[in-house]
């Protein structure tokens, strides 16, 4: 009977995966990437909220312009459009980072149960994840700097008027 079980396909895989200790080790190894995934999700929530705010602001200005009620708000459109593009890129790269970190977690589990060494693939995927995350955070930084710069410009315009900036003298 045991000889029959030995020739069944997949039995060797079942034997390798039946080790509780091996599964525990893989779960422990995947904790760091899982926490990173949670962190990426939290940052993406902030990025997405900013993107939605900017998109809604653009829509409100365009709707007001269609009714000839936009006035000076039209001057905001170039900065808002720049912010929208930067925020979209931040979300896109962060989403890609979340996808690749999920692949890292998958590869960690698979590598514990197959004979093919996947360590290099896991490492390369981790590096790709970090690169994508850094790109997403860089675009997020640019978006927040663009917003801060435009806020400073508006404050100066309110204080000194559009053509009376003292730093220009």
N, C-alpha and C. Protein backbone atom coordinates (compact mmCIF):
# COMPACT_ATOMS: atom_id res chain seq x y z
N UNK A 1 0.82 -1.20 0.00
CA UNK A 1 0.00 0.00 0.00
C UNK A 1 0.86 1.26 0.00
N UNK A 2 1.93 1.27 0.79
CA UNK A 2 2.80 2.44 0.83
C UNK A 2 3.49 2.66 -0.49
N UNK A 3 3.75 1.55 -1.24
CA UNK A 3 4.35 1.72 -2.56
C UNK A 3 3.38 2.42 -3.50
N UNK A 4 2.09 2.13 -3.36
CA UNK A 4 1.09 2.79 -4.18
C UNK A 4 1.04 4.28 -3.86
N UNK A 5 1.11 4.61 -2.58
CA UNK A 5 1.10 6.01 -2.18
C UNK A 5 2.35 6.75 -2.65
N UNK A 6 3.47 6.03 -2.71
CA UNK A 6 4.73 6.65 -3.10
C UNK A 6 4.73 7.05 -4.57
N UNK A 7 3.93 6.37 -5.40
CA UNK A 7 3.94 6.70 -6.83
C UNK A 7 2.85 7.72 -7.19
N UNK A 8 1.98 8.06 -6.26
CA UNK A 8 0.95 9.05 -6.55
C UNK A 8 1.59 10.42 -6.79
N UNK A 9 1.15 11.10 -7.82
CA UNK A 9 1.72 12.43 -8.08
C UNK A 9 1.32 13.40 -6.97
N UNK A 10 2.24 14.22 -6.59
CA UNK A 10 1.96 15.23 -5.58
C UNK A 10 2.17 14.76 -4.16
N UNK A 11 2.41 13.46 -3.94
CA UNK A 11 2.59 12.97 -2.57
C UNK A 11 3.84 13.57 -1.94
N UNK A 12 4.88 13.72 -2.74
CA UNK A 12 6.10 14.30 -2.21
C UNK A 12 5.86 15.75 -1.77
N UNK A 13 5.06 16.46 -2.53
CA UNK A 13 4.72 17.84 -2.17
C UNK A 13 3.91 17.86 -0.86
N UNK A 14 3.01 16.93 -0.71
CA UNK A 14 2.22 16.85 0.51
C UNK A 14 3.12 16.56 1.70
N UNK A 15 4.10 15.69 1.52
CA UNK A 15 5.03 15.40 2.61
C UNK A 15 5.84 16.64 3.00
N UNK A 16 6.29 17.39 2.00
CA UNK A 16 7.08 18.59 2.29
C UNK A 16 6.23 19.67 2.96
N UNK A 17 4.97 19.75 2.60
CA UNK A 17 4.10 20.80 3.18
C UNK A 17 3.47 20.39 4.49
N UNK A 18 3.63 19.15 4.89
CA UNK A 18 2.99 18.71 6.13
C UNK A 18 3.76 19.13 7.37
N UNK A 19 4.96 19.64 7.21
CA UNK A 19 5.77 20.05 8.35
C UNK A 19 5.25 21.36 8.92
N UNK A 20 4.76 21.31 10.13
CA UNK A 20 4.26 22.50 10.80
C UNK A 20 5.38 23.50 11.02
N UNK A 21 6.56 23.01 11.36
CA UNK A 21 7.70 23.89 11.59
C UNK A 21 8.07 24.66 10.32
N UNK A 22 8.03 24.00 9.19
CA UNK A 22 8.35 24.67 7.92
C UNK A 22 7.31 25.76 7.62
N UNK A 23 6.04 25.46 7.84
CA UNK A 23 4.99 26.45 7.61
C UNK A 23 5.16 27.63 8.57
N UNK A 24 5.49 27.35 9.82
CA UNK A 24 5.72 28.43 10.79
C UNK A 24 6.87 29.33 10.35
N UNK A 25 7.94 28.73 9.86
CA UNK A 25 9.08 29.52 9.40
C UNK A 25 8.70 30.42 8.23
N UNK A 26 7.92 29.89 7.32
CA UNK A 26 7.51 30.69 6.16
C UNK A 26 6.59 31.83 6.61
N UNK A 27 5.70 31.56 7.53
CA UNK A 27 4.82 32.61 8.04
C UNK A 27 5.64 33.70 8.71
N UNK A 28 6.65 33.31 9.50
CA UNK A 28 7.51 34.29 10.14
C UNK A 28 8.28 35.11 9.12
N UNK A 29 8.77 34.47 8.08
CA UNK A 29 9.50 35.19 7.03
C UNK A 29 8.60 36.17 6.28
N UNK A 30 7.34 35.84 6.17
CA UNK A 30 6.44 36.69 5.39
C UNK A 30 5.83 37.82 6.21
N UNK A 31 6.13 37.89 7.51
CA UNK A 31 5.58 38.95 8.34
C UNK A 31 6.09 40.33 7.93
N UNK A 32 7.38 40.47 7.69
CA UNK A 32 7.93 41.78 7.30
C UNK A 32 7.29 42.28 6.00
N UNK A 33 7.22 41.45 4.96
CA UNK A 33 6.55 41.93 3.74
C UNK A 33 5.06 42.21 3.98
N UNK A 34 4.42 41.45 4.85
CA UNK A 34 3.00 41.69 5.12
C UNK A 34 2.81 43.03 5.83
N UNK A 35 3.70 43.36 6.77
CA UNK A 35 3.61 44.66 7.42
C UNK A 35 3.88 45.79 6.43
N UNK A 36 4.84 45.56 5.53
CA UNK A 36 5.10 46.55 4.49
C UNK A 36 3.86 46.75 3.62
N UNK A 37 3.18 45.68 3.29
CA UNK A 37 1.96 45.76 2.50
C UNK A 37 0.91 46.60 3.23
N UNK A 38 0.78 46.40 4.53
CA UNK A 38 -0.18 47.20 5.32
C UNK A 38 0.22 48.68 5.31
N UNK A 39 1.51 48.94 5.43
CA UNK A 39 1.99 50.32 5.39
C UNK A 39 1.74 50.98 4.05
N UNK A 40 1.98 50.24 2.98
CA UNK A 40 1.72 50.77 1.64
C UNK A 40 0.23 51.10 1.50
N UNK A 41 -0.61 50.23 2.02
CA UNK A 41 -2.05 50.48 1.96
C UNK A 41 -2.45 51.74 2.69
N UNK A 42 -1.85 51.98 3.85
CA UNK A 42 -2.17 53.19 4.62
C UNK A 42 -1.73 54.45 3.88
N UNK A 43 -0.53 54.41 3.30
CA UNK A 43 -0.05 55.58 2.55
C UNK A 43 -0.90 55.78 1.29
N UNK A 44 -1.29 54.69 0.65
CA UNK A 44 -2.13 54.81 -0.55
C UNK A 44 -3.48 55.42 -0.21
N UNK A 45 -3.99 55.16 0.98
CA UNK A 45 -5.25 55.76 1.40
C UNK A 45 -5.12 57.28 1.43
N UNK A 46 -4.02 57.78 1.97
CA UNK A 46 -3.78 59.23 2.01
C UNK A 46 -3.63 59.77 0.59
N UNK A 47 -2.85 59.07 -0.23
CA UNK A 47 -2.62 59.52 -1.61
C UNK A 47 -3.94 59.58 -2.38
N UNK A 48 -4.74 58.55 -2.23
CA UNK A 48 -6.01 58.48 -2.96
C UNK A 48 -6.95 59.59 -2.52
N UNK A 49 -6.99 59.88 -1.22
CA UNK A 49 -7.84 60.96 -0.73
C UNK A 49 -7.41 62.30 -1.31
N UNK A 50 -6.11 62.53 -1.40
CA UNK A 50 -5.62 63.78 -1.99
C UNK A 50 -5.97 63.84 -3.48
N UNK A 51 -5.81 62.72 -4.17
CA UNK A 51 -6.14 62.67 -5.59
C UNK A 51 -7.62 62.97 -5.80
N UNK A 52 -8.47 62.37 -4.99
CA UNK A 52 -9.91 62.63 -5.12
C UNK A 52 -10.25 64.09 -4.85
N UNK A 53 -9.61 64.68 -3.84
CA UNK A 53 -9.87 66.07 -3.52
C UNK A 53 -9.49 66.96 -4.70
N UNK A 54 -8.30 66.71 -5.28
CA UNK A 54 -7.84 67.52 -6.41
C UNK A 54 -8.77 67.34 -7.61
N UNK A 55 -9.14 66.11 -7.91
CA UNK A 55 -10.03 65.85 -9.05
C UNK A 55 -11.38 66.53 -8.86
N UNK A 56 -11.93 66.46 -7.65
CA UNK A 56 -13.22 67.13 -7.37
C UNK A 56 -13.10 68.64 -7.49
N UNK A 57 -11.99 69.19 -7.03
CA UNK A 57 -11.76 70.64 -7.14
C UNK A 57 -11.70 71.06 -8.61
N UNK A 58 -11.00 70.28 -9.44
CA UNK A 58 -10.92 70.58 -10.87
C UNK A 58 -12.32 70.54 -11.48
N UNK A 59 -13.09 69.53 -11.14
CA UNK A 59 -14.45 69.41 -11.68
C UNK A 59 -15.32 70.59 -11.26
N UNK A 60 -15.21 71.03 -10.00
CA UNK A 60 -16.01 72.17 -9.53
C UNK A 60 -15.64 73.45 -10.28
N UNK A 61 -14.35 73.65 -10.51
CA UNK A 61 -13.91 74.84 -11.24
C UNK A 61 -14.40 74.80 -12.69
N UNK A 62 -14.30 73.63 -13.32
CA UNK A 62 -14.75 73.51 -14.71
C UNK A 62 -16.26 73.68 -14.82
N UNK A 63 -16.99 73.18 -13.83
CA UNK A 63 -18.45 73.36 -13.83
C UNK A 63 -18.80 74.84 -13.64
N UNK A 64 -18.07 75.53 -12.77
CA UNK A 64 -18.31 76.95 -12.56
C UNK A 64 -17.94 77.74 -13.82
N UNK A 65 -16.88 77.30 -14.52
CA UNK A 65 -16.48 77.97 -15.74
C UNK A 65 -17.53 77.81 -16.83
N UNK A 66 -18.17 76.66 -16.86
CA UNK A 66 -19.22 76.43 -17.86
C UNK A 66 -20.39 77.39 -17.64
N UNK A 67 -20.58 77.82 -16.40
CA UNK A 67 -21.65 78.78 -16.07
C UNK A 67 -21.12 80.21 -16.02
N UNK A 68 -19.89 80.43 -16.43
CA UNK A 68 -19.22 81.74 -16.36
C UNK A 68 -19.18 82.29 -14.94
N UNK A 69 -18.97 81.40 -13.97
CA UNK A 69 -18.90 81.81 -12.57
C UNK A 69 -17.54 81.50 -11.95
N UNK A 70 -16.58 81.04 -12.74
CA UNK A 70 -15.30 80.59 -12.19
C UNK A 70 -14.41 81.75 -11.76
N UNK A 71 -14.38 82.80 -12.53
CA UNK A 71 -13.58 83.96 -12.18
C UNK A 71 -12.11 83.61 -12.01
N UNK A 72 -11.54 84.03 -10.87
CA UNK A 72 -10.12 83.82 -10.58
C UNK A 72 -9.76 82.36 -10.32
N UNK A 73 -10.77 81.52 -10.11
CA UNK A 73 -10.49 80.10 -9.84
C UNK A 73 -9.80 79.42 -11.01
N UNK A 74 -9.98 79.94 -12.21
CA UNK A 74 -9.35 79.34 -13.38
C UNK A 74 -7.83 79.37 -13.28
N UNK A 75 -7.31 80.32 -12.52
CA UNK A 75 -5.85 80.39 -12.35
C UNK A 75 -5.33 79.20 -11.56
N UNK A 76 -6.19 78.52 -10.83
CA UNK A 76 -5.80 77.37 -10.03
C UNK A 76 -5.61 76.10 -10.87
N UNK A 77 -6.22 76.07 -12.05
CA UNK A 77 -6.23 74.84 -12.85
C UNK A 77 -4.85 74.28 -13.20
N UNK A 78 -3.88 75.08 -13.64
CA UNK A 78 -2.58 74.48 -13.96
C UNK A 78 -1.93 73.78 -12.77
N UNK A 79 -1.96 74.41 -11.60
CA UNK A 79 -1.37 73.79 -10.40
C UNK A 79 -2.16 72.55 -10.00
N UNK A 80 -3.48 72.62 -10.10
CA UNK A 80 -4.30 71.46 -9.74
C UNK A 80 -4.06 70.30 -10.71
N UNK A 81 -3.93 70.62 -11.98
CA UNK A 81 -3.68 69.56 -12.97
C UNK A 81 -2.32 68.92 -12.72
N UNK A 82 -1.33 69.73 -12.38
CA UNK A 82 -0.01 69.19 -12.05
C UNK A 82 -0.10 68.28 -10.82
N UNK A 83 -0.84 68.71 -9.81
CA UNK A 83 -1.01 67.90 -8.61
C UNK A 83 -1.74 66.59 -8.93
N UNK A 84 -2.74 66.67 -9.81
CA UNK A 84 -3.48 65.46 -10.17
C UNK A 84 -2.57 64.44 -10.83
N UNK A 85 -1.74 64.90 -11.75
CA UNK A 85 -0.82 64.00 -12.44
C UNK A 85 0.16 63.37 -11.46
N UNK A 86 0.72 64.18 -10.57
CA UNK A 86 1.68 63.66 -9.59
C UNK A 86 1.01 62.66 -8.64
N UNK A 87 -0.20 62.98 -8.20
CA UNK A 87 -0.91 62.07 -7.28
C UNK A 87 -1.27 60.76 -7.98
N UNK A 88 -1.67 60.85 -9.24
CA UNK A 88 -1.98 59.62 -9.99
C UNK A 88 -0.75 58.74 -10.11
N UNK A 89 0.38 59.34 -10.39
CA UNK A 89 1.62 58.56 -10.50
C UNK A 89 2.00 57.95 -9.16
N UNK A 90 1.81 58.72 -8.09
CA UNK A 90 2.12 58.20 -6.75
C UNK A 90 1.26 56.97 -6.45
N UNK A 91 -0.02 57.05 -6.76
CA UNK A 91 -0.92 55.93 -6.52
C UNK A 91 -0.55 54.75 -7.41
N UNK A 92 -0.23 55.02 -8.66
CA UNK A 92 0.11 53.95 -9.60
C UNK A 92 1.36 53.19 -9.14
N UNK A 93 2.42 53.92 -8.79
CA UNK A 93 3.64 53.25 -8.36
C UNK A 93 3.45 52.53 -7.03
N UNK A 94 2.67 53.10 -6.14
CA UNK A 94 2.41 52.45 -4.86
C UNK A 94 1.58 51.18 -5.04
N UNK A 95 0.64 51.22 -5.96
CA UNK A 95 -0.15 50.02 -6.26
C UNK A 95 0.75 48.93 -6.83
N UNK A 96 1.65 49.31 -7.71
CA UNK A 96 2.60 48.34 -8.27
C UNK A 96 3.49 47.77 -7.17
N UNK A 97 3.89 48.61 -6.21
CA UNK A 97 4.70 48.13 -5.08
C UNK A 97 3.90 47.14 -4.23
N UNK A 98 2.62 47.42 -4.02
CA UNK A 98 1.77 46.50 -3.26
C UNK A 98 1.64 45.16 -3.99
N UNK A 99 1.52 45.22 -5.30
CA UNK A 99 1.44 43.99 -6.08
C UNK A 99 2.73 43.19 -5.98
N UNK A 100 3.87 43.85 -6.12
CA UNK A 100 5.13 43.10 -6.09
C UNK A 100 5.44 42.58 -4.69
N UNK A 101 5.05 43.29 -3.65
CA UNK A 101 5.29 42.76 -2.29
C UNK A 101 4.38 41.55 -2.05
N UNK A 102 3.22 41.54 -2.67
CA UNK A 102 2.36 40.35 -2.58
C UNK A 102 3.01 39.17 -3.30
N UNK A 103 3.69 39.46 -4.40
CA UNK A 103 4.42 38.41 -5.12
C UNK A 103 5.55 37.88 -4.25
N UNK A 104 6.23 38.77 -3.51
CA UNK A 104 7.29 38.33 -2.59
C UNK A 104 6.72 37.35 -1.58
N UNK A 105 5.59 37.67 -1.00
CA UNK A 105 4.96 36.79 0.00
C UNK A 105 4.62 35.45 -0.64
N UNK A 106 4.06 35.48 -1.83
CA UNK A 106 3.73 34.24 -2.55
C UNK A 106 4.99 33.42 -2.80
N UNK A 107 6.04 34.07 -3.28
CA UNK A 107 7.29 33.35 -3.56
C UNK A 107 7.90 32.75 -2.30
N UNK A 108 7.78 33.44 -1.17
CA UNK A 108 8.30 32.89 0.08
C UNK A 108 7.60 31.59 0.43
N UNK A 109 6.29 31.56 0.26
CA UNK A 109 5.55 30.33 0.55
C UNK A 109 5.88 29.23 -0.44
N UNK A 110 5.93 29.58 -1.71
CA UNK A 110 6.21 28.57 -2.72
C UNK A 110 7.63 28.02 -2.55
N UNK A 111 8.59 28.91 -2.23
CA UNK A 111 9.98 28.47 -2.13
C UNK A 111 10.20 27.47 -1.00
N UNK A 112 9.34 27.48 -0.01
CA UNK A 112 9.49 26.54 1.10
C UNK A 112 9.06 25.12 0.71
N UNK A 113 8.35 25.00 -0.37
CA UNK A 113 7.76 23.70 -0.69
C UNK A 113 8.19 23.14 -2.05
N UNK A 114 9.02 23.85 -2.78
CA UNK A 114 9.51 23.32 -4.05
C UNK A 114 11.03 23.18 -3.96
N UNK A 115 11.55 22.34 -4.78
CA UNK A 115 13.00 22.10 -4.76
C UNK A 115 13.78 23.19 -5.48
N UNK A 116 13.14 23.87 -6.41
CA UNK A 116 13.81 24.93 -7.17
C UNK A 116 14.13 26.10 -6.25
N UNK A 117 15.39 26.51 -6.17
CA UNK A 117 15.73 27.66 -5.31
C UNK A 117 15.19 28.96 -5.91
N UNK A 118 14.43 29.67 -5.10
CA UNK A 118 13.80 30.91 -5.57
C UNK A 118 14.34 32.15 -4.85
N UNK A 119 15.41 31.98 -4.09
CA UNK A 119 15.93 33.09 -3.30
C UNK A 119 16.30 34.31 -4.14
N UNK A 120 16.92 34.10 -5.28
CA UNK A 120 17.30 35.22 -6.14
C UNK A 120 16.07 35.93 -6.66
N UNK A 121 15.06 35.17 -7.04
CA UNK A 121 13.81 35.77 -7.53
C UNK A 121 13.12 36.57 -6.42
N UNK A 122 13.13 36.05 -5.21
CA UNK A 122 12.55 36.77 -4.07
C UNK A 122 13.32 38.07 -3.85
N UNK A 123 14.65 38.01 -3.88
CA UNK A 123 15.46 39.21 -3.66
C UNK A 123 15.23 40.25 -4.76
N UNK A 124 15.20 39.81 -6.00
CA UNK A 124 14.97 40.74 -7.11
C UNK A 124 13.59 41.38 -6.99
N UNK A 125 12.59 40.59 -6.65
CA UNK A 125 11.24 41.12 -6.50
C UNK A 125 11.17 42.12 -5.34
N UNK A 126 11.91 41.84 -4.26
CA UNK A 126 11.96 42.77 -3.13
C UNK A 126 12.59 44.10 -3.56
N UNK A 127 13.68 44.03 -4.33
CA UNK A 127 14.34 45.25 -4.80
C UNK A 127 13.40 46.03 -5.71
N UNK A 128 12.69 45.35 -6.59
CA UNK A 128 11.71 46.01 -7.46
C UNK A 128 10.64 46.69 -6.62
N UNK A 129 10.18 46.00 -5.59
CA UNK A 129 9.17 46.57 -4.70
C UNK A 129 9.67 47.87 -4.08
N UNK A 130 10.89 47.84 -3.57
CA UNK A 130 11.45 49.03 -2.93
C UNK A 130 11.59 50.17 -3.94
N UNK A 131 12.00 49.84 -5.16
CA UNK A 131 12.11 50.87 -6.20
C UNK A 131 10.77 51.50 -6.53
N UNK A 132 9.75 50.66 -6.67
CA UNK A 132 8.40 51.17 -6.97
C UNK A 132 7.86 51.99 -5.81
N UNK A 133 8.10 51.52 -4.60
CA UNK A 133 7.63 52.27 -3.43
C UNK A 133 8.33 53.62 -3.33
N UNK A 134 9.63 53.64 -3.58
CA UNK A 134 10.37 54.89 -3.55
C UNK A 134 9.86 55.85 -4.63
N UNK A 135 9.56 55.34 -5.80
CA UNK A 135 9.03 56.19 -6.87
C UNK A 135 7.66 56.75 -6.47
N UNK A 136 6.81 55.91 -5.91
CA UNK A 136 5.50 56.38 -5.46
C UNK A 136 5.61 57.46 -4.39
N UNK A 137 6.51 57.24 -3.43
CA UNK A 137 6.70 58.24 -2.37
C UNK A 137 7.33 59.52 -2.92
N UNK A 138 8.20 59.40 -3.91
CA UNK A 138 8.79 60.59 -4.52
C UNK A 138 7.73 61.43 -5.23
N UNK A 139 6.84 60.78 -5.96
CA UNK A 139 5.75 61.51 -6.62
C UNK A 139 4.81 62.13 -5.58
N UNK A 140 4.58 61.42 -4.49
CA UNK A 140 3.75 61.97 -3.42
C UNK A 140 4.41 63.20 -2.81
N UNK A 141 5.72 63.14 -2.60
CA UNK A 141 6.46 64.29 -2.10
C UNK A 141 6.34 65.47 -3.06
N UNK A 142 6.49 65.22 -4.35
CA UNK A 142 6.35 66.30 -5.33
C UNK A 142 4.95 66.89 -5.32
N UNK A 143 3.95 66.05 -5.15
CA UNK A 143 2.57 66.55 -5.11
C UNK A 143 2.36 67.44 -3.89
N UNK A 144 2.85 67.02 -2.73
CA UNK A 144 2.67 67.83 -1.53
C UNK A 144 3.48 69.13 -1.63
N UNK A 145 4.65 69.09 -2.23
CA UNK A 145 5.43 70.31 -2.42
C UNK A 145 4.74 71.26 -3.39
N UNK A 146 4.12 70.73 -4.43
CA UNK A 146 3.38 71.56 -5.37
C UNK A 146 2.22 72.24 -4.65
N UNK A 147 1.51 71.50 -3.81
CA UNK A 147 0.40 72.07 -3.05
C UNK A 147 0.89 73.14 -2.09
N UNK A 148 1.99 72.88 -1.40
CA UNK A 148 2.52 73.85 -0.45
C UNK A 148 3.00 75.12 -1.17
N UNK A 149 3.65 74.96 -2.31
CA UNK A 149 4.12 76.11 -3.08
C UNK A 149 2.95 76.97 -3.55
N UNK A 150 1.88 76.30 -4.02
CA UNK A 150 0.70 77.07 -4.49
C UNK A 150 0.03 77.76 -3.31
N UNK A 151 -0.03 77.13 -2.15
CA UNK A 151 -0.61 77.78 -0.98
C UNK A 151 0.19 79.02 -0.60
N UNK A 152 1.50 78.93 -0.65
CA UNK A 152 2.36 80.08 -0.34
C UNK A 152 2.11 81.21 -1.34
N UNK A 153 1.98 80.87 -2.61
CA UNK A 153 1.70 81.88 -3.64
C UNK A 153 0.37 82.58 -3.36
N UNK A 154 -0.64 81.80 -2.99
CA UNK A 154 -1.96 82.40 -2.68
C UNK A 154 -1.88 83.32 -1.47
N UNK A 155 -1.13 82.91 -0.45
CA UNK A 155 -0.99 83.74 0.74
C UNK A 155 -0.31 85.06 0.38
N UNK A 156 0.72 85.02 -0.43
CA UNK A 156 1.40 86.25 -0.85
C UNK A 156 0.47 87.14 -1.67
N UNK A 157 -0.33 86.53 -2.54
CA UNK A 157 -1.27 87.31 -3.34
C UNK A 157 -2.30 88.00 -2.47
N UNK A 158 -2.78 87.32 -1.44
CA UNK A 158 -3.76 87.94 -0.53
C UNK A 158 -3.13 89.07 0.26
N UNK A 159 -1.90 88.89 0.68
CA UNK A 159 -1.22 89.88 1.52
C UNK A 159 -0.75 91.08 0.71
N UNK A 160 -0.15 90.83 -0.45
CA UNK A 160 0.48 91.91 -1.19
C UNK A 160 -0.18 92.21 -2.54
N UNK A 161 -1.09 91.38 -2.97
CA UNK A 161 -1.68 91.54 -4.29
C UNK A 161 -0.86 90.76 -5.31
N UNK A 162 -1.44 90.44 -6.45
CA UNK A 162 -0.77 89.59 -7.42
C UNK A 162 0.53 90.18 -7.97
N UNK A 163 0.64 91.51 -8.03
CA UNK A 163 1.83 92.13 -8.63
C UNK A 163 2.72 92.83 -7.61
N UNK A 164 2.40 92.70 -6.32
CA UNK A 164 3.13 93.43 -5.29
C UNK A 164 3.95 92.53 -4.40
N UNK A 165 4.50 91.46 -4.92
CA UNK A 165 5.29 90.54 -4.12
C UNK A 165 6.60 91.21 -3.73
N UNK A 166 6.89 91.36 -2.41
CA UNK A 166 8.10 92.06 -1.99
C UNK A 166 9.38 91.31 -2.34
N UNK A 167 9.32 90.01 -2.53
CA UNK A 167 10.52 89.25 -2.88
C UNK A 167 10.97 89.54 -4.31
N UNK A 168 10.09 90.15 -5.12
CA UNK A 168 10.42 90.49 -6.49
C UNK A 168 11.21 91.80 -6.57
N UNK A 169 11.20 92.60 -5.51
CA UNK A 169 11.87 93.91 -5.52
C UNK A 169 13.33 93.78 -5.19
